[in-house]
Amino acid sequence: MTDTTNPGYYRGFSNGAEVIDISENLTANGAQALQYIARSCRVDGHNKGNTVENLEKAIWFLHREIGRLTPTEGP
């Protein structure tokens, strides 16, 4: 049976770690980037989706996080 709430590509990392264990300690943008990276860069083959597209999405979230952390100059 497939676990649609916690699919295999988010589980099975070293020491039993799951992506949720890490991402719940990050900002929203950081967590989203991590999830896209985790589902597309696994060495065990349990990847999901288009790797390049997922990495581009991760980069998009990282840019948003950089923008959030970078002070803008006012008028």
PDB file of N, CA and C in Angstrom:
ATOM      1  N   MET A   1       0.840  -1.194   0.000  1.00  0.00           N
ATOM      2  CA  MET A   1       0.000   0.000   0.000  1.00  0.00           C
ATOM      3  C   MET A   1       0.883   1.255   0.000  1.00  0.00           C
ATOM      4  N   THR A   2       0.549   2.222  -0.808  1.00  0.00           N
ATOM      5  CA  THR A   2       1.299   3.469  -0.915  1.00  0.00           C
ATOM      6  C   THR A   2       0.863   4.443   0.173  1.00  0.00           C
ATOM      7  N   ASP A   3       1.826   5.037   0.841  1.00  0.00           N
ATOM      8  CA  ASP A   3       1.554   6.046   1.863  1.00  0.00           C
ATOM      9  C   ASP A   3       1.573   7.413   1.191  1.00  0.00           C
ATOM     10  N   THR A   4       0.393   7.950   0.902  1.00  0.00           N
ATOM     11  CA  THR A   4       0.317   9.237   0.205  1.00  0.00           C
ATOM     12  C   THR A   4       0.650  10.410   1.116  1.00  0.00           C
ATOM     13  N   THR A   5       0.582  10.221   2.418  1.00  0.00           N
ATOM     14  CA  THR A   5       0.897  11.287   3.357  1.00  0.00           C
ATOM     15  C   THR A   5       2.396  11.416   3.574  1.00  0.00           C
ATOM     16  N   ASN A   6       3.110  10.300   3.599  1.00  0.00           N
ATOM     17  CA  ASN A   6       4.549  10.298   3.846  1.00  0.00           C
ATOM     18  C   ASN A   6       5.200   9.296   2.884  1.00  0.00           C
ATOM     19  N   PRO A   7       5.270   9.643   1.596  1.00  0.00           N
ATOM     20  CA  PRO A   7       5.790   8.703   0.604  1.00  0.00           C
ATOM     21  C   PRO A   7       7.260   8.354   0.816  1.00  0.00           C
ATOM     22  N   GLY A   8       7.672   7.252   0.222  1.00  0.00           N
ATOM     23  CA  GLY A   8       9.010   6.706   0.414  1.00  0.00           C
ATOM     24  C   GLY A   8      10.142   7.639   0.065  1.00  0.00           C
ATOM     25  N   TYR A   9       9.936   8.531  -0.894  1.00  0.00           N
ATOM     26  CA  TYR A   9      11.033   9.426  -1.263  1.00  0.00           C
ATOM     27  C   TYR A   9      11.303  10.484  -0.206  1.00  0.00           C
ATOM     28  N   TYR A  10      10.479  10.568   0.829  1.00  0.00           N
ATOM     29  CA  TYR A  10      10.747  11.456   1.959  1.00  0.00           C
ATOM     30  C   TYR A  10      11.251  10.683   3.181  1.00  0.00           C
ATOM     31  N   ARG A  11      11.375   9.371   3.055  1.00  0.00           N
ATOM     32  CA  ARG A  11      11.814   8.529   4.175  1.00  0.00           C
ATOM     33  C   ARG A  11      13.059   7.738   3.775  1.00  0.00           C
ATOM     34  N   GLY A  12      13.629   7.034   4.747  1.00  0.00           N
ATOM     35  CA  GLY A  12      14.705   6.100   4.475  1.00  0.00           C
ATOM     36  C   GLY A  12      16.097   6.691   4.372  1.00  0.00           C
ATOM     37  N   PHE A  13      16.310   7.813   5.006  1.00  0.00           N
ATOM     38  CA  PHE A  13      17.649   8.402   5.013  1.00  0.00           C
ATOM     39  C   PHE A  13      18.466   7.825   6.166  1.00  0.00           C
ATOM     40  N   SER A  14      19.720   8.165   6.232  1.00  0.00           N
ATOM     41  CA  SER A  14      20.616   7.642   7.272  1.00  0.00           C
ATOM     42  C   SER A  14      20.029   7.827   8.661  1.00  0.00           C
ATOM     43  N   ASN A  15      20.283   6.853   9.508  1.00  0.00           N
ATOM     44  CA  ASN A  15      19.835   6.877  10.914  1.00  0.00           C
ATOM     45  C   ASN A  15      18.320   6.996  11.052  1.00  0.00           C
ATOM     46  N   GLY A  16      17.574   6.628   9.996  1.00  0.00           N
ATOM     47  CA  GLY A  16      16.117   6.668  10.048  1.00  0.00           C
ATOM     48  C   GLY A  16      15.518   8.053   9.903  1.00  0.00           C
ATOM     49  N   ALA A  17      16.328   9.026   9.557  1.00  0.00           N
ATOM     50  CA  ALA A  17      15.832  10.398   9.421  1.00  0.00           C
ATOM     51  C   ALA A  17      14.794  10.491   8.310  1.00  0.00           C
ATOM     52  N   GLU A  18      13.839  11.347   8.510  1.00  0.00           N
ATOM     53  CA  GLU A  18      12.845  11.663   7.496  1.00  0.00           C
ATOM     54  C   GLU A  18      12.924  13.155   7.203  1.00  0.00           C
ATOM     55  N   VAL A  19      12.547  13.522   6.006  1.00  0.00           N
ATOM     56  CA  VAL A  19      12.615  14.924   5.602  1.00  0.00           C
ATOM     57  C   VAL A  19      11.819  15.805   6.566  1.00  0.00           C
ATOM     58  N   ILE A  20      10.671  15.330   7.027  1.00  0.00           N
ATOM     59  CA  ILE A  20       9.845  16.129   7.938  1.00  0.00           C
ATOM     60  C   ILE A  20      10.593  16.442   9.230  1.00  0.00           C
ATOM     61  N   ASP A  21      11.450  15.495   9.688  1.00  0.00           N
ATOM     62  CA  ASP A  21      12.215  15.721  10.916  1.00  0.00           C
ATOM     63  C   ASP A  21      13.135  16.927  10.793  1.00  0.00           C
ATOM     64  N   ILE A  22      13.637  17.147   9.603  1.00  0.00           N
ATOM     65  CA  ILE A  22      14.534  18.283   9.364  1.00  0.00           C
ATOM     66  C   ILE A  22      13.735  19.522   8.984  1.00  0.00           C
ATOM     67  N   SER A  23      12.793  19.371   8.069  1.00  0.00           N
ATOM     68  CA  SER A  23      12.094  20.540   7.522  1.00  0.00           C
ATOM     69  C   SER A  23      11.233  21.265   8.544  1.00  0.00           C
ATOM     70  N   GLU A  24      10.741  20.567   9.570  1.00  0.00           N
ATOM     71  CA  GLU A  24       9.924  21.264  10.561  1.00  0.00           C
ATOM     72  C   GLU A  24      10.745  22.208  11.428  1.00  0.00           C
ATOM     73  N   ASN A  25      12.070  22.156  11.281  1.00  0.00           N
ATOM     74  CA  ASN A  25      12.951  23.057  12.017  1.00  0.00           C
ATOM     75  C   ASN A  25      13.507  24.177  11.147  1.00  0.00           C
ATOM     76  N   LEU A  26      12.986  24.310   9.939  1.00  0.00           N
ATOM     77  CA  LEU A  26      13.451  25.329   8.999  1.00  0.00           C
ATOM     78  C   LEU A  26      12.352  26.346   8.729  1.00  0.00           C
ATOM     79  N   THR A  27      12.735  27.446   8.095  1.00  0.00           N
ATOM     80  CA  THR A  27      11.728  28.397   7.632  1.00  0.00           C
ATOM     81  C   THR A  27      10.907  27.725   6.534  1.00  0.00           C
ATOM     82  N   ALA A  28       9.794  28.309   6.180  1.00  0.00           N
ATOM     83  CA  ALA A  28       8.939  27.735   5.138  1.00  0.00           C
ATOM     84  C   ALA A  28       9.687  27.592   3.817  1.00  0.00           C
ATOM     85  N   ASN A  29      10.414  28.624   3.432  1.00  0.00           N
ATOM     86  CA  ASN A  29      11.176  28.564   2.181  1.00  0.00           C
ATOM     87  C   ASN A  29      12.271  27.507   2.245  1.00  0.00           C
ATOM     88  N   GLY A  30      12.971  27.436   3.353  1.00  0.00           N
ATOM     89  CA  GLY A  30      14.017  26.443   3.524  1.00  0.00           C
ATOM     90  C   GLY A  30      13.469  25.030   3.496  1.00  0.00           C
ATOM     91  N   ALA A  31      12.329  24.830   4.144  1.00  0.00           N
ATOM     92  CA  ALA A  31      11.698  23.511   4.164  1.00  0.00           C
ATOM     93  C   ALA A  31      11.268  23.081   2.765  1.00  0.00           C
ATOM     94  N   GLN A  32      10.682  23.998   2.005  1.00  0.00           N
ATOM     95  CA  GLN A  32      10.264  23.668   0.639  1.00  0.00           C
ATOM     96  C   GLN A  32      11.460  23.311  -0.228  1.00  0.00           C
ATOM     97  N   ALA A  33      12.537  24.085  -0.115  1.00  0.00           N
ATOM     98  CA  ALA A  33      13.747  23.802  -0.895  1.00  0.00           C
ATOM     99  C   ALA A  33      14.288  22.422  -0.531  1.00  0.00           C
ATOM    100  N   LEU A  34      14.351  22.123   0.755  1.00  0.00           N
ATOM    101  CA  LEU A  34      14.833  20.826   1.208  1.00  0.00           C
ATOM    102  C   LEU A  34      13.986  19.691   0.636  1.00  0.00           C
ATOM    103  N   GLN A  35      12.687  19.854   0.644  1.00  0.00           N
ATOM    104  CA  GLN A  35      11.804  18.803   0.143  1.00  0.00           C
ATOM    105  C   GLN A  35      12.029  18.549  -1.343  1.00  0.00           C
ATOM    106  N   TYR A  36      12.188  19.607  -2.119  1.00  0.00           N
ATOM    107  CA  TYR A  36      12.465  19.419  -3.547  1.00  0.00           C
ATOM    108  C   TYR A  36      13.820  18.752  -3.779  1.00  0.00           C
ATOM    109  N   ILE A  37      14.802  19.110  -2.971  1.00  0.00           N
ATOM    110  CA  ILE A  37      16.120  18.485  -3.095  1.00  0.00           C
ATOM    111  C   ILE A  37      16.059  17.020  -2.678  1.00  0.00           C
ATOM    112  N   ALA A  38      15.411  16.736  -1.572  1.00  0.00           N
ATOM    113  CA  ALA A  38      15.343  15.371  -1.054  1.00  0.00           C
ATOM    114  C   ALA A  38      14.626  14.423  -2.010  1.00  0.00           C
ATOM    115  N   ARG A  39      13.616  14.910  -2.705  1.00  0.00           N
ATOM    116  CA  ARG A  39      12.864  14.023  -3.591  1.00  0.00           C
ATOM    117  C   ARG A  39      13.521  13.839  -4.948  1.00  0.00           C
ATOM    118  N   SER A  40      14.558  14.602  -5.235  1.00  0.00           N
ATOM    119  CA  SER A  40      15.141  14.517  -6.575  1.00  0.00           C
ATOM    120  C   SER A  40      16.624  14.152  -6.597  1.00  0.00           C
ATOM    121  N   CYS A  41      17.301  14.121  -5.468  1.00  0.00           N
ATOM    122  CA  CYS A  41      18.747  13.891  -5.457  1.00  0.00           C
ATOM    123  C   CYS A  41      19.160  12.660  -4.666  1.00  0.00           C
ATOM    124  N   ARG A  42      18.266  11.713  -4.513  1.00  0.00           N
ATOM    125  CA  ARG A  42      18.588  10.514  -3.733  1.00  0.00           C
ATOM    126  C   ARG A  42      19.510   9.591  -4.507  1.00  0.00           C
ATOM    127  N   VAL A  43      20.488   9.040  -3.831  1.00  0.00           N
ATOM    128  CA  VAL A  43      21.404   8.099  -4.478  1.00  0.00           C
ATOM    129  C   VAL A  43      20.841   6.682  -4.505  1.00  0.00           C
ATOM    130  N   ASP A  44      19.782   6.423  -3.736  1.00  0.00           N
ATOM    131  CA  ASP A  44      19.209   5.076  -3.696  1.00  0.00           C
ATOM    132  C   ASP A  44      18.156   4.843  -4.773  1.00  0.00           C
ATOM    133  N   GLY A  45      17.906   5.857  -5.610  1.00  0.00           N
ATOM    134  CA  GLY A  45      16.962   5.688  -6.712  1.00  0.00           C
ATOM    135  C   GLY A  45      15.513   5.957  -6.390  1.00  0.00           C
ATOM    136  N   HIS A  46      15.180   6.273  -5.152  1.00  0.00           N
ATOM    137  CA  HIS A  46      13.797   6.561  -4.786  1.00  0.00           C
ATOM    138  C   HIS A  46      13.465   8.032  -5.046  1.00  0.00           C
ATOM    139  N   ASN A  47      13.720   8.466  -6.256  1.00  0.00           N
ATOM    140  CA  ASN A  47      13.471   9.852  -6.644  1.00  0.00           C
ATOM    141  C   ASN A  47      12.064   9.993  -7.192  1.00  0.00           C
ATOM    142  N   LYS A  48      11.569  11.226  -7.211  1.00  0.00           N
ATOM    143  CA  LYS A  48      10.245  11.495  -7.752  1.00  0.00           C
ATOM    144  C   LYS A  48      10.317  12.685  -8.682  1.00  0.00           C
ATOM    145  N   GLY A  49       9.693  12.561  -9.829  1.00  0.00           N
ATOM    146  CA  GLY A  49       9.584  13.684 -10.738  1.00  0.00           C
ATOM    147  C   GLY A  49      10.855  13.954 -11.520  1.00  0.00           C
ATOM    148  N   ASN A  50      10.819  15.085 -12.184  1.00  0.00           N
ATOM    149  CA  ASN A  50      11.931  15.530 -13.022  1.00  0.00           C
ATOM    150  C   ASN A  50      12.988  16.182 -12.135  1.00  0.00           C
ATOM    151  N   THR A  51      14.177  15.609 -12.116  1.00  0.00           N
ATOM    152  CA  THR A  51      15.235  16.089 -11.224  1.00  0.00           C
ATOM    153  C   THR A  51      15.586  17.549 -11.466  1.00  0.00           C
ATOM    154  N   VAL A  52      15.788  17.925 -12.699  1.00  0.00           N
ATOM    155  CA  VAL A  52      16.176  19.312 -13.004  1.00  0.00           C
ATOM    156  C   VAL A  52      15.058  20.270 -12.615  1.00  0.00           C
ATOM    157  N   GLU A  53      13.828  19.922 -12.929  1.00  0.00           N
ATOM    158  CA  GLU A  53      12.694  20.784 -12.568  1.00  0.00           C
ATOM    159  C   GLU A  53      12.597  20.935 -11.055  1.00  0.00           C
ATOM    160  N   ASN A  54      12.767  19.848 -10.321  1.00  0.00           N
ATOM    161  CA  ASN A  54      12.726  19.927  -8.862  1.00  0.00           C
ATOM    162  C   ASN A  54      13.845  20.796  -8.309  1.00  0.00           C
ATOM    163  N   LEU A  55      15.040  20.686  -8.884  1.00  0.00           N
ATOM    164  CA  LEU A  55      16.145  21.514  -8.419  1.00  0.00           C
ATOM    165  C   LEU A  55      15.922  22.988  -8.746  1.00  0.00           C
ATOM    166  N   GLU A  56      15.308  23.270  -9.884  1.00  0.00           N
ATOM    167  CA  GLU A  56      14.970  24.657 -10.221  1.00  0.00           C
ATOM    168  C   GLU A  56      13.956  25.218  -9.229  1.00  0.00           C
ATOM    169  N   LYS A  57      13.009  24.394  -8.813  1.00  0.00           N
ATOM    170  CA  LYS A  57      12.036  24.827  -7.798  1.00  0.00           C
ATOM    171  C   LYS A  57      12.735  25.082  -6.466  1.00  0.00           C
ATOM    172  N   ALA A  58      13.681  24.221  -6.101  1.00  0.00           N
ATOM    173  CA  ALA A  58      14.436  24.423  -4.859  1.00  0.00           C
ATOM    174  C   ALA A  58      15.196  25.738  -4.906  1.00  0.00           C
ATOM    175  N   ILE A  59      15.814  26.019  -6.042  1.00  0.00           N
ATOM    176  CA  ILE A  59      16.544  27.282  -6.211  1.00  0.00           C
ATOM    177  C   ILE A  59      15.603  28.471  -6.069  1.00  0.00           C
ATOM    178  N   TRP A  60      14.402  28.354  -6.625  1.00  0.00           N
ATOM    179  CA  TRP A  60      13.408  29.430  -6.520  1.00  0.00           C
ATOM    180  C   TRP A  60      13.102  29.726  -5.053  1.00  0.00           C
ATOM    181  N   PHE A  61      12.896  28.664  -4.255  1.00  0.00           N
ATOM    182  CA  PHE A  61      12.621  28.867  -2.829  1.00  0.00           C
ATOM    183  C   PHE A  61      13.842  29.424  -2.101  1.00  0.00           C
ATOM    184  N   LEU A  62      15.036  29.019  -2.489  1.00  0.00           N
ATOM    185  CA  LEU A  62      16.244  29.574  -1.875  1.00  0.00           C
ATOM    186  C   LEU A  62      16.396  31.063  -2.189  1.00  0.00           C
ATOM    187  N   HIS A  63      16.078  31.447  -3.421  1.00  0.00           N
ATOM    188  CA  HIS A  63      16.111  32.874  -3.775  1.00  0.00           C
ATOM    189  C   HIS A  63      15.092  33.663  -2.951  1.00  0.00           C
ATOM    190  N   ARG A  64      13.926  33.087  -2.733  1.00  0.00           N
ATOM    191  CA  ARG A  64      12.918  33.764  -1.900  1.00  0.00           C
ATOM    192  C   ARG A  64      13.429  33.929  -0.468  1.00  0.00           C
ATOM    193  N   GLU A  65      14.105  32.909   0.039  1.00  0.00           N
ATOM    194  CA  GLU A  65      14.638  32.995   1.398  1.00  0.00           C
ATOM    195  C   GLU A  65      15.742  34.040   1.472  1.00  0.00           C
ATOM    196  N   ILE A  66      16.591  34.091   0.474  1.00  0.00           N
ATOM    197  CA  ILE A  66      17.634  35.126   0.427  1.00  0.00           C
ATOM    198  C   ILE A  66      16.980  36.504   0.390  1.00  0.00           C
ATOM    199  N   GLY A  67      15.942  36.664  -0.407  1.00  0.00           N
ATOM    200  CA  GLY A  67      15.220  37.935  -0.468  1.00  0.00           C
ATOM    201  C   GLY A  67      14.591  38.304   0.864  1.00  0.00           C
ATOM    202  N   ARG A  68      14.091  37.309   1.577  1.00  0.00           N
ATOM    203  CA  ARG A  68      13.489  37.556   2.891  1.00  0.00           C
ATOM    204  C   ARG A  68      14.534  38.020   3.889  1.00  0.00           C
ATOM    205  N   LEU A  69      15.741  37.497   3.746  1.00  0.00           N
ATOM    206  CA  LEU A  69      16.809  37.826   4.690  1.00  0.00           C
ATOM    207  C   LEU A  69      17.607  39.065   4.316  1.00  0.00           C
ATOM    208  N   THR A  70      17.445  39.522   3.089  1.00  0.00           N
ATOM    209  CA  THR A  70      18.192  40.671   2.618  1.00  0.00           C
ATOM    210  C   THR A  70      17.372  41.939   2.841  1.00  0.00           C
ATOM    211  N   PRO A  71      17.896  42.835   3.658  1.00  0.00           N
ATOM    212  CA  PRO A  71      17.153  44.068   3.916  1.00  0.00           C
ATOM    213  C   PRO A  71      17.031  44.921   2.639  1.00  0.00           C
ATOM    214  N   THR A  72      15.869  45.465   2.459  1.00  0.00           N
ATOM    215  CA  THR A  72      15.667  46.365   1.323  1.00  0.00           C
ATOM    216  C   THR A  72      15.821  47.801   1.821  1.00  0.00           C
ATOM    217  N   GLU A  73      16.284  48.618   0.938  1.00  0.00           N
ATOM    218  CA  GLU A  73      16.460  50.024   1.306  1.00  0.00           C
ATOM    219  C   GLU A  73      15.151  50.763   1.070  1.00  0.00           C
ATOM    220  N   GLY A  74      14.791  51.539   2.029  1.00  0.00           N
ATOM    221  CA  GLY A  74      13.560  52.327   1.946  1.00  0.00           C
ATOM    222  C   GLY A  74      13.724  53.544   1.070  1.00  0.00           C
ATOM    223  N   PRO A  75      12.640  54.301   0.902  1.00  0.00           N
ATOM    224  CA  PRO A  75      12.700  55.518   0.053  1.00  0.00           C
ATOM    225  C   PRO A  75      13.587  56.584   0.607  1.00  0.00           C
TER     226      PRO A  75
END
